[in-house]
Amino acid sequence: MADQLTRPERLQIMLDPEELRAIDDFRFRRRMPSRAATVRELLKRGLAAEGFEVASARSKSQSFRVLGSGTGAGDGAAGDGTSSERSGD
């Protein structure tokens, strides 16, 4: 069981206050234990979603936002998941 909990890789991201608030709102509505668990759950849901686009090789990191519009692939999927989650409450 301890081997299953080992996570040797670290992933760091920078978020603006609005993006962090959206993650915290999602976390608290679902009583999740931590931000890390919440981000893993959101990644799992995003990767399992159908119809996502593959980013072009020229996309920049700043094009991919959790909230709002941007120019990168996947903008609609993130926005749709946020709005449907909020409307379900």
Protein backbone atom coordinates (compact mmCIF):
# COMPACT_ATOMS: atom_id res chain seq x y z
CA MET A 1 0.00 0.00 0.00
CA ALA A 2 2.84 2.41 0.81
CA ASP A 3 4.24 1.89 -2.71
CA GLN A 4 0.95 3.10 -4.18
CA LEU A 5 1.20 6.38 -2.29
CA THR A 6 4.75 7.16 -3.38
CA ARG A 7 4.85 10.06 -5.81
CA PRO A 8 8.48 10.74 -6.69
CA GLU A 9 7.75 13.47 -9.27
CA ARG A 10 6.87 17.07 -8.38
CA LEU A 11 4.86 19.34 -10.67
CA GLN A 12 4.74 23.04 -9.92
CA ILE A 13 2.33 25.48 -11.57
CA MET A 14 1.66 29.18 -11.19
CA LEU A 15 -1.96 30.30 -10.85
CA ASP A 16 -3.57 33.69 -10.62
CA PRO A 17 -5.92 34.34 -7.66
CA GLU A 18 -9.06 33.65 -9.71
CA GLU A 19 -7.75 30.26 -10.88
CA LEU A 20 -6.73 29.29 -7.34
CA ARG A 21 -10.15 30.33 -6.02
CA ALA A 22 -11.82 28.09 -8.64
CA ILE A 23 -9.70 25.12 -7.53
CA ASP A 24 -10.43 25.82 -3.86
CA ASP A 25 -14.17 26.16 -4.58
CA PHE A 26 -14.14 22.80 -6.35
CA ARG A 27 -12.20 21.29 -3.45
CA PHE A 28 -14.45 22.56 -0.69
CA ARG A 29 -17.72 21.71 -2.48
CA ARG A 30 -16.52 18.10 -2.73
CA ARG A 31 -14.80 17.99 0.68
CA MET A 32 -11.51 16.94 -0.85
CA PRO A 33 -8.57 16.58 1.56
CA SER A 34 -6.02 18.86 -0.16
CA ARG A 35 -5.30 21.06 -3.16
CA ALA A 36 -3.00 18.35 -4.49
CA ALA A 37 -5.81 15.77 -4.38
CA THR A 38 -8.11 18.26 -6.07
CA VAL A 39 -5.65 18.96 -8.88
CA ARG A 40 -5.10 15.22 -9.41
CA GLU A 41 -8.89 14.72 -9.61
CA LEU A 42 -9.26 17.56 -12.10
CA LEU A 43 -6.39 16.18 -14.19
CA LYS A 44 -7.98 12.73 -14.14
CA ARG A 45 -11.31 14.19 -15.29
CA GLY A 46 -9.65 16.30 -17.96
CA LEU A 47 -7.65 13.42 -19.37
CA ALA A 48 -10.74 11.21 -19.40
CA ALA A 49 -12.84 13.82 -21.24
CA GLU A 50 -13.71 13.20 -24.84
CA GLY A 51 -13.06 15.70 -27.59
CA PHE A 52 -9.95 17.39 -26.28
CA GLU A 53 -7.54 18.90 -28.78
CA VAL A 54 -3.82 18.30 -29.04
CA ALA A 55 -1.90 21.54 -28.58
CA SER A 56 0.11 22.83 -31.48
CA ALA A 57 3.88 22.84 -31.17
CA ARG A 58 3.84 26.65 -31.19
CA SER A 59 1.47 27.07 -28.22
CA LYS A 60 2.81 29.02 -25.28
CA SER A 61 2.17 28.21 -21.64
CA GLN A 62 0.34 31.49 -21.10
CA SER A 63 -2.24 30.41 -23.68
CA PHE A 64 -3.57 27.70 -21.37
CA ARG A 65 -5.70 29.12 -18.58
CA VAL A 66 -7.93 27.42 -16.04
CA LEU A 67 -10.57 30.15 -16.41
CA GLY A 68 -11.39 32.63 -19.13
CA SER A 69 -10.42 32.55 -22.74
CA GLY A 70 -7.05 32.02 -24.27
CA THR A 71 -5.63 30.93 -27.58
CA GLY A 72 -4.45 27.44 -26.64
CA ALA A 73 -6.14 24.13 -27.31
CA GLY A 74 -8.41 22.93 -24.55
CA ASP A 75 -9.76 26.35 -23.54
CA GLY A 76 -13.35 25.32 -24.19
CA ALA A 77 -13.02 22.08 -22.23
CA ALA A 78 -11.74 23.81 -19.10
CA GLY A 79 -14.40 26.50 -19.30
CA ASP A 80 -17.17 23.98 -19.92
CA GLY A 81 -16.18 21.84 -16.93
CA THR A 82 -16.12 24.85 -14.65
CA SER A 83 -19.51 26.17 -15.70
CA SER A 84 -21.21 22.77 -15.54
CA GLU A 85 -19.77 22.12 -12.10
CA ARG A 86 -21.06 25.45 -10.85
CA SER A 87 -24.50 25.01 -12.37
CA GLY A 88 -24.83 21.63 -10.63
CA ASP A 89 -24.69 23.22 -7.18
